[in-house]
């Protein structure tokens, strides 16, 4: 049987700033991966009833999946990433790799629920891009009780 624990943190000011930065990086990564999947979805589909007799189909691109997104992480962690619309620089090296891989899992699950039917034959809605109010959690897959007791953020202990 699997157990899920949820902890309430009372971080200090510097720890709060660090955790908010981690949330910003996770939100950007989630939205970027979801955007890649939607781009692939739009470019590689053609309605059957509207296709002309002489149909030109562009070369199909590989579908972005969990593993292709995970392969991008080491490349992205080498340098700062500039957000196009705001000009802000994001540093991916601050966030643990397991947390970013869990974000990849969240995108994979959301998009698969969008594409596949449930047991009643109904599809779920289109996944949303996340803003500050909708992206509020980080998952630490390798965390256990001993990890939480000895975790430090910028030299401060998290209990």
Protein backbone atom coordinates (compact mmCIF):
# COMPACT_ATOMS: atom_id res chain seq x y z
CA UNK A 1 0.00 0.00 0.00
CA UNK A 2 1.32 3.43 -0.91
CA UNK A 3 1.07 6.33 1.48
CA UNK A 4 1.17 9.98 0.59
CA UNK A 5 2.25 12.51 3.16
CA UNK A 6 1.54 16.18 2.97
CA UNK A 7 3.57 18.56 5.12
CA UNK A 8 2.97 22.15 6.04
CA UNK A 9 6.15 24.19 5.89
CA UNK A 10 6.79 27.40 7.75
CA UNK A 11 9.83 28.71 5.88
CA UNK A 12 11.75 31.85 6.64
CA UNK A 13 11.80 34.75 4.19
CA UNK A 14 14.84 33.57 2.20
CA UNK A 15 13.47 30.05 2.02
CA UNK A 16 10.15 31.40 0.76
CA UNK A 17 11.92 33.28 -2.01
CA UNK A 18 13.85 30.16 -3.00
CA UNK A 19 10.73 27.98 -3.06
CA UNK A 20 8.87 30.60 -5.11
CA UNK A 21 11.75 30.60 -7.59
CA UNK A 22 11.54 26.81 -7.82
CA UNK A 23 7.80 27.09 -8.47
CA UNK A 24 8.47 29.65 -11.21
CA UNK A 25 10.96 27.32 -12.90
CA UNK A 26 8.58 24.36 -12.61
CA UNK A 27 5.69 26.41 -14.01
CA UNK A 28 7.77 27.62 -16.95
CA UNK A 29 8.94 24.07 -17.69
CA UNK A 30 5.37 22.71 -17.49
CA UNK A 31 4.01 25.39 -19.83
CA UNK A 32 6.88 24.99 -22.30
CA UNK A 33 6.44 21.22 -22.55
CA UNK A 34 2.67 21.53 -22.85
CA UNK A 35 3.13 24.12 -25.61
CA UNK A 36 5.43 21.75 -27.52
CA UNK A 37 2.84 19.00 -27.32
CA UNK A 38 0.02 21.30 -28.50
CA UNK A 39 2.17 22.51 -31.41
CA UNK A 40 2.83 18.92 -32.44
CA UNK A 41 -0.88 18.11 -32.08
CA UNK A 42 -1.96 21.01 -34.32
CA UNK A 43 0.71 20.49 -36.99
CA UNK A 44 0.25 16.74 -37.36
CA UNK A 45 -3.49 16.38 -37.59
CA UNK A 46 -5.78 16.70 -40.57
CA UNK A 47 -9.58 16.43 -40.50
CA UNK A 48 -10.71 13.50 -42.60
CA UNK A 49 -13.83 15.15 -43.99
CA UNK A 50 -12.00 18.31 -45.10
CA UNK A 51 -8.99 16.78 -46.82
CA UNK A 52 -8.76 17.62 -50.56
CA UNK A 53 -8.38 14.93 -53.22
CA UNK A 54 -4.79 15.87 -53.87
CA UNK A 55 -3.52 16.20 -50.38
CA UNK A 56 -0.13 17.58 -49.47
CA UNK A 57 0.93 16.35 -46.07
CA UNK A 58 4.03 17.91 -44.56
CA UNK A 59 6.65 15.63 -43.13
CA UNK A 60 5.46 14.38 -39.77
CA UNK A 61 7.55 15.34 -36.80
CA UNK A 62 8.34 13.11 -33.87
CA UNK A 63 5.83 13.35 -31.08
CA UNK A 64 7.25 15.00 -27.98
CA UNK A 65 7.05 12.52 -25.15
CA UNK A 66 8.28 12.01 -21.63
CA UNK A 67 11.74 10.84 -22.66
CA UNK A 68 12.34 13.59 -25.21
CA UNK A 69 11.51 16.16 -22.54
CA UNK A 70 13.81 14.49 -20.04
CA UNK A 71 16.61 14.60 -22.63
CA UNK A 72 16.22 18.39 -22.83
CA UNK A 73 16.89 18.89 -19.10
CA UNK A 74 20.71 18.48 -19.13
CA UNK A 75 20.96 20.86 -22.09
CA UNK A 76 18.76 23.47 -20.42
CA UNK A 77 20.64 23.24 -17.13
CA UNK A 78 23.91 24.28 -18.80
CA UNK A 79 22.88 27.90 -19.35
CA UNK A 80 20.31 30.48 -18.34
CA UNK A 81 17.02 30.37 -20.26
CA UNK A 82 15.54 33.64 -21.50
CA UNK A 83 11.77 33.93 -21.57
CA UNK A 84 10.72 35.51 -24.83
CA UNK A 85 7.82 37.71 -23.78
CA UNK A 86 9.30 39.10 -20.54
CA UNK A 87 13.05 38.90 -21.11
CA UNK A 88 13.48 37.27 -17.69
CA UNK A 89 16.33 34.83 -17.19
CA UNK A 90 15.55 31.52 -15.48
CA UNK A 91 18.21 29.32 -13.88
CA UNK A 92 17.31 25.62 -14.02
CA UNK A 93 20.38 24.57 -12.00
CA UNK A 94 18.78 25.66 -8.72
CA UNK A 95 15.99 23.07 -8.90
CA UNK A 96 16.58 19.37 -8.23
CA UNK A 97 16.48 17.22 -11.34
CA UNK A 98 13.95 14.80 -9.81
CA UNK A 99 11.52 17.68 -9.30
CA UNK A 100 11.81 18.70 -12.96
CA UNK A 101 11.40 15.08 -14.07
CA UNK A 102 8.22 14.92 -12.01
CA UNK A 103 6.98 17.98 -13.91
CA UNK A 104 7.57 15.97 -17.10
CA UNK A 105 5.40 13.22 -15.64
CA UNK A 106 2.62 15.70 -14.84
CA UNK A 107 2.58 16.97 -18.43
CA UNK A 108 2.59 13.43 -19.82
CA UNK A 109 -0.38 12.44 -17.64
CA UNK A 110 -2.35 15.61 -18.45
CA UNK A 111 -1.85 15.25 -22.20
CA UNK A 112 -2.62 11.52 -22.19
CA UNK A 113 -5.89 12.21 -20.38
CA UNK A 114 -6.70 14.74 -23.11
CA UNK A 115 -6.03 12.32 -25.97
CA UNK A 116 -7.34 9.04 -24.57
CA UNK A 117 -10.89 8.20 -23.60
CA UNK A 118 -11.90 7.19 -20.11
CA UNK A 119 -13.82 3.98 -19.37
CA UNK A 120 -17.11 5.65 -20.40
CA UNK A 121 -15.74 6.81 -23.76
CA UNK A 122 -15.55 10.47 -22.78
CA UNK A 123 -12.45 12.59 -23.11
CA UNK A 124 -11.27 15.04 -20.52
CA UNK A 125 -10.80 18.68 -21.41
CA UNK A 126 -7.76 20.31 -22.91
CA UNK A 127 -4.96 20.79 -20.34
CA UNK A 128 -4.48 24.39 -19.25
CA UNK A 129 -1.36 26.45 -19.20
CA UNK A 130 -0.57 27.18 -15.58
CA UNK A 131 -0.35 30.62 -14.01
CA UNK A 132 0.79 31.50 -10.49
CA UNK A 133 -2.57 30.60 -8.96
CA UNK A 134 -2.85 27.22 -10.72
CA UNK A 135 0.68 25.89 -10.24
CA UNK A 136 1.32 25.73 -6.51
CA UNK A 137 2.94 22.38 -5.76
CA UNK A 138 6.29 20.70 -6.21
CA UNK A 139 6.73 16.96 -5.83
CA UNK A 140 9.93 15.54 -4.39
CA UNK A 141 9.74 11.89 -5.49
CA UNK A 142 12.81 10.75 -3.54
CA UNK A 143 11.76 12.38 -0.30
CA UNK A 144 11.20 10.38 2.84
CA UNK A 145 10.97 11.39 6.48
CA UNK A 146 14.74 11.43 6.97
CA UNK A 147 15.16 13.68 3.93
CA UNK A 148 12.70 16.22 5.30
CA UNK A 149 14.47 16.42 8.64
CA UNK A 150 17.83 17.22 7.08
CA UNK A 151 16.89 19.31 4.04
CA UNK A 152 18.56 22.69 3.74
CA UNK A 153 17.75 25.59 1.46
CA UNK A 154 20.50 28.22 1.35
CA UNK A 155 21.93 26.94 4.63
CA UNK A 156 18.59 27.07 6.49
CA UNK A 157 16.93 23.92 7.80
CA UNK A 158 13.46 22.92 6.65
CA UNK A 159 11.53 20.86 9.20
